[in-house]
C-alpha atoms as a PDB file:
ATOM      1  CA  UNK A   1      41.617  59.897 -72.736  1.00  0.00           C
ATOM      2  CA  UNK A   2      43.439  57.269 -75.498  1.00  0.00           C
ATOM      3  CA  UNK A   3      46.652  55.647 -74.109  1.00  0.00           C
ATOM      4  CA  UNK A   4      48.651  58.064 -76.766  1.00  0.00           C
ATOM      5  CA  UNK A   5      46.708  61.248 -74.940  1.00  0.00           C
ATOM      6  CA  UNK A   6      47.295  59.899 -71.388  1.00  0.00           C
ATOM      7  CA  UNK A   7      51.457  59.624 -72.719  1.00  0.00           C
ATOM      8  CA  UNK A   8      51.632  63.225 -74.242  1.00  0.00           C
ATOM      9  CA  UNK A   9      50.176  64.612 -71.709  1.00  0.00           C
ATOM     10  CA  UNK A  10      52.816  63.511 -68.917  1.00  0.00           C
ATOM     11  CA  UNK A  11      55.291  64.145 -71.716  1.00  0.00           C
ATOM     12  CA  UNK A  12      54.063  67.749 -71.670  1.00  0.00           C
ATOM     13  CA  UNK A  13      53.903  67.960 -67.904  1.00  0.00           C
ATOM     14  CA  UNK A  14      57.492  66.978 -67.565  1.00  0.00           C
ATOM     15  CA  UNK A  15      58.745  69.255 -70.831  1.00  0.00           C
ATOM     16  CA  UNK A  16      58.552  72.069 -68.202  1.00  0.00           C
ATOM     17  CA  UNK A  17      61.135  71.261 -66.598  1.00  0.00           C
ATOM     18  CA  UNK A  18      64.912  71.714 -67.502  1.00  0.00           C
ATOM     19  CA  UNK A  19      66.933  69.801 -64.672  1.00  0.00           C
ATOM     20  CA  UNK A  20      66.429  66.367 -63.445  1.00  0.00           C
ATOM     21  CA  UNK A  21      66.623  67.469 -59.723  1.00  0.00           C
ATOM     22  CA  UNK A  22      63.409  69.655 -60.798  1.00  0.00           C
ATOM     23  CA  UNK A  23      61.205  66.071 -62.891  1.00  0.00           C
ATOM     24  CA  UNK A  24      62.643  64.411 -59.888  1.00  0.00           C
ATOM     25  CA  UNK A  25      60.304  66.498 -57.611  1.00  0.00           C
ATOM     26  CA  UNK A  26      57.724  66.118 -59.840  1.00  0.00           C
ATOM     27  CA  UNK A  27      57.936  62.163 -59.301  1.00  0.00           C
ATOM     28  CA  UNK A  28      57.874  63.170 -55.558  1.00  0.00           C
ATOM     29  CA  UNK A  29      54.696  65.406 -55.903  1.00  0.00           C
ATOM     30  CA  UNK A  30      52.923  62.606 -58.090  1.00  0.00           C
ATOM     31  CA  UNK A  31      53.836  59.913 -55.826  1.00  0.00           C
ATOM     32  CA  UNK A  32      51.709  61.646 -53.424  1.00  0.00           C
ATOM     33  CA  UNK A  33      48.956  61.339 -55.768  1.00  0.00           C
ATOM     34  CA  UNK A  34      48.599  57.782 -56.027  1.00  0.00           C
ATOM     35  CA  UNK A  35      45.561  56.574 -53.524  1.00  0.00           C
ATOM     36  CA  UNK A  36      46.541  54.705 -50.455  1.00  0.00           C
ATOM     37  CA  UNK A  37      46.807  51.422 -51.194  1.00  0.00           C
ATOM     38  CA  UNK A  38      44.434  48.518 -49.063  1.00  0.00           C
ATOM     39  CA  UNK A  39      47.093  46.888 -46.540  1.00  0.00           C
ATOM     40  CA  UNK A  40      45.311  43.522 -47.642  1.00  0.00           C
ATOM     41  CA  UNK A  41      47.816  43.866 -50.830  1.00  0.00           C
ATOM     42  CA  UNK A  42      51.087  44.740 -49.306  1.00  0.00           C
ATOM     43  CA  UNK A  43      51.876  41.360 -48.620  1.00  0.00           C
ATOM     44  CA  UNK A  44      54.532  39.426 -50.963  1.00  0.00           C
ATOM     45  CA  UNK A  45      52.188  37.956 -53.416  1.00  0.00           C
ATOM     46  CA  UNK A  46      51.992  41.317 -54.728  1.00  0.00           C
ATOM     47  CA  UNK A  47      55.253  42.458 -54.343  1.00  0.00           C
ATOM     48  CA  UNK A  48      57.313  42.946 -57.227  1.00  0.00           C
ATOM     49  CA  UNK A  49      60.528  41.171 -57.944  1.00  0.00           C
ATOM     50  CA  UNK A  50      63.144  42.704 -59.318  1.00  0.00           C
ATOM     51  CA  UNK A  51      62.493  46.179 -57.615  1.00  0.00           C
ATOM     52  CA  UNK A  52      65.254  47.280 -55.355  1.00  0.00           C
ATOM     53  CA  UNK A  53      62.953  48.994 -53.485  1.00  0.00           C
ATOM     54  CA  UNK A  54      59.453  47.462 -52.416  1.00  0.00           C
ATOM     55  CA  UNK A  55      56.485  47.775 -54.860  1.00  0.00           C
ATOM     56  CA  UNK A  56      53.376  46.342 -54.477  1.00  0.00           C
ATOM     57  CA  UNK A  57      50.958  46.045 -57.805  1.00  0.00           C
ATOM     58  CA  UNK A  58      47.474  44.505 -57.753  1.00  0.00           C
ATOM     59  CA  UNK A  59      44.984  44.547 -60.831  1.00  0.00           C
ATOM     60  CA  UNK A  60      41.450  43.080 -61.319  1.00  0.00           C
ATOM     61  CA  UNK A  61      39.241  43.508 -64.072  1.00  0.00           C
ATOM     62  CA  UNK A  62      36.761  46.174 -63.856  1.00  0.00           C
ATOM     63  CA  UNK A  63      33.925  45.137 -66.170  1.00  0.00           C
ATOM     64  CA  UNK A  64      36.201  45.091 -69.513  1.00  0.00           C
ATOM     65  CA  UNK A  65      39.191  47.187 -68.525  1.00  0.00           C
ATOM     66  CA  UNK A  66      41.664  46.550 -65.938  1.00  0.00           C
ATOM     67  CA  UNK A  67      42.042  48.298 -62.577  1.00  0.00           C
ATOM     68  CA  UNK A  68      45.922  49.090 -60.977  1.00  0.00           C
ATOM     69  CA  UNK A  69      46.374  49.658 -57.416  1.00  0.00           C
ATOM     70  CA  UNK A  70      49.729  50.150 -56.278  1.00  0.00           C
ATOM     71  CA  UNK A  71      52.388  51.324 -53.645  1.00  0.00           C
ATOM     72  CA  UNK A  72      56.190  51.680 -53.001  1.00  0.00           C
ATOM     73  CA  UNK A  73      57.936  52.148 -49.500  1.00  0.00           C
ATOM     74  CA  UNK A  74      60.366  54.758 -51.781  1.00  0.00           C
ATOM     75  CA  UNK A  75      59.137  57.938 -52.879  1.00  0.00           C
ATOM     76  CA  UNK A  76      60.953  58.081 -56.286  1.00  0.00           C
ATOM     77  CA  UNK A  77      59.479  54.710 -56.603  1.00  0.00           C
ATOM     78  CA  UNK A  78      56.037  55.372 -56.114  1.00  0.00           C
ATOM     79  CA  UNK A  79      56.039  58.395 -57.874  1.00  0.00           C
ATOM     80  CA  UNK A  80      56.829  56.005 -61.143  1.00  0.00           C
ATOM     81  CA  UNK A  81      54.811  53.772 -60.368  1.00  0.00           C
ATOM     82  CA  UNK A  82      52.053  56.389 -60.322  1.00  0.00           C
ATOM     83  CA  UNK A  83      52.311  57.213 -64.202  1.00  0.00           C
ATOM     84  CA  UNK A  84      52.547  53.469 -65.073  1.00  0.00           C
ATOM     85  CA  UNK A  85      49.341  53.310 -63.382  1.00  0.00           C
ATOM     86  CA  UNK A  86      48.154  56.591 -64.452  1.00  0.00           C
ATOM     87  CA  UNK A  87      48.924  54.934 -67.844  1.00  0.00           C
ATOM     88  CA  UNK A  88      48.009  51.839 -68.260  1.00  0.00           C
ATOM     89  CA  UNK A  89      45.000  51.507 -65.565  1.00  0.00           C
ATOM     90  CA  UNK A  90      41.522  51.596 -67.456  1.00  0.00           C
ATOM     91  CA  UNK A  91      42.863  50.045 -70.229  1.00  0.00           C
ATOM     92  CA  UNK A  92      41.321  46.901 -72.008  1.00  0.00           C
ATOM     93  CA  UNK A  93      43.986  43.916 -71.439  1.00  0.00           C
ATOM     94  CA  UNK A  94      44.829  44.000 -74.983  1.00  0.00           C
ATOM     95  CA  UNK A  95      46.005  47.445 -74.905  1.00  0.00           C
ATOM     96  CA  UNK A  96      48.019  47.600 -71.954  1.00  0.00           C
ATOM     97  CA  UNK A  97      49.867  44.216 -72.986  1.00  0.00           C
ATOM     98  CA  UNK A  98      50.621  45.711 -76.714  1.00  0.00           C
ATOM     99  CA  UNK A  99      51.398  48.880 -75.108  1.00  0.00           C
ATOM    100  CA  UNK A 100      54.178  51.048 -76.127  1.00  0.00           C
ATOM    101  CA  UNK A 101      55.447  52.699 -73.275  1.00  0.00           C
ATOM    102  CA  UNK A 102      56.966  55.831 -75.277  1.00  0.00           C
ATOM    103  CA  UNK A 103      56.515  58.406 -72.515  1.00  0.00           C
ATOM    104  CA  UNK A 104      59.451  56.902 -70.503  1.00  0.00           C
ATOM    105  CA  UNK A 105      62.364  57.728 -73.095  1.00  0.00           C
ATOM    106  CA  UNK A 106      60.285  60.793 -73.959  1.00  0.00           C
ATOM    107  CA  UNK A 107      60.664  62.149 -70.802  1.00  0.00           C
ATOM    108  CA  UNK A 108      64.171  60.832 -70.326  1.00  0.00           C
ATOM    109  CA  UNK A 109      63.116  58.980 -67.388  1.00  0.00           C
ATOM    110  CA  UNK A 110      65.061  55.671 -68.258  1.00  0.00           C
ATOM    111  CA  UNK A 111      68.680  57.563 -68.950  1.00  0.00           C
ATOM    112  CA  UNK A 112      68.225  59.342 -65.387  1.00  0.00           C
ATOM    113  CA  UNK A 113      67.367  56.451 -63.427  1.00  0.00           C
ATOM    114  CA  UNK A 114      70.542  54.152 -60.981  1.00  0.00           C
ATOM    115  CA  UNK A 115      70.490  50.852 -62.836  1.00  0.00           C
ATOM    116  CA  UNK A 116      68.810  49.301 -59.842  1.00  0.00           C
ATOM    117  CA  UNK A 117      65.949  51.592 -60.300  1.00  0.00           C
ATOM    118  CA  UNK A 118      65.834  50.931 -64.068  1.00  0.00           C
ATOM    119  CA  UNK A 119      65.535  47.461 -63.909  1.00  0.00           C
ATOM    120  CA  UNK A 120      63.160  48.102 -61.024  1.00  0.00           C
ATOM    121  CA  UNK A 121      60.976  49.973 -63.941  1.00  0.00           C
ATOM    122  CA  UNK A 122      61.482  47.217 -66.020  1.00  0.00           C
ATOM    123  CA  UNK A 123      60.137  44.985 -63.576  1.00  0.00           C
ATOM    124  CA  UNK A 124      56.966  46.957 -62.659  1.00  0.00           C
ATOM    125  CA  UNK A 125      55.993  47.497 -66.640  1.00  0.00           C
ATOM    126  CA  UNK A 126      56.527  43.664 -67.112  1.00  0.00           C
ATOM    127  CA  UNK A 127      54.417  42.642 -64.021  1.00  0.00           C
ATOM    128  CA  UNK A 128      51.748  45.229 -65.212  1.00  0.00           C
ATOM    129  CA  UNK A 129      51.679  43.588 -68.863  1.00  0.00           C
ATOM    130  CA  UNK A 130      51.949  40.031 -67.205  1.00  0.00           C
ATOM    131  CA  UNK A 131      48.656  41.004 -65.390  1.00  0.00           C
ATOM    132  CA  UNK A 132      46.843  42.213 -68.622  1.00  0.00           C
ATOM    133  CA  UNK A 133      48.599  38.879 -70.407  1.00  0.00           C
ATOM    134  CA  UNK A 134      46.643  36.325 -68.258  1.00  0.00           C
ATOM    135  CA  UNK A 135      43.411  38.567 -68.098  1.00  0.00           C
ATOM    136  CA  UNK A 136      43.523  38.859 -72.053  1.00  0.00           C
ATOM    137  CA  UNK A 137      43.938  34.909 -71.748  1.00  0.00           C
ATOM    138  CA  UNK A 138      41.095  34.655 -69.401  1.00  0.00           C
ATOM    139  CA  UNK A 139      38.779  36.113 -71.803  1.00  0.00           C
ATOM    140  CA  UNK A 140      39.635  34.465 -74.589  1.00  0.00           C
END
């Protein structure tokens, strides 16, 4: 599935909800699908700076694509990082670093987050793109 197709699929999933409380509940449900993070990655080395809650993110190259694994100690934040992992994991570094994550606006996520969570969302995206940039640079 392409980056665009994955984002469009998420937009469709969120479209069925009229109220933001229902969307928050869906984020909670999504968080439960995130595979457990190996405890060796739950260290300060992998914490994303700028998030109000703890978010751990690890990335590695698997053949020519990036595999992200993540976790959070806050359930809504865990749902958000699960969405980002779903969209960006399994992509080539150049695709991730240049990704236009339009689904965030389309589902109304940014406008319905507290300022602290919105800053955390930006920090998560930034860190994922920094990993991609590093992997891209290494491959050149």
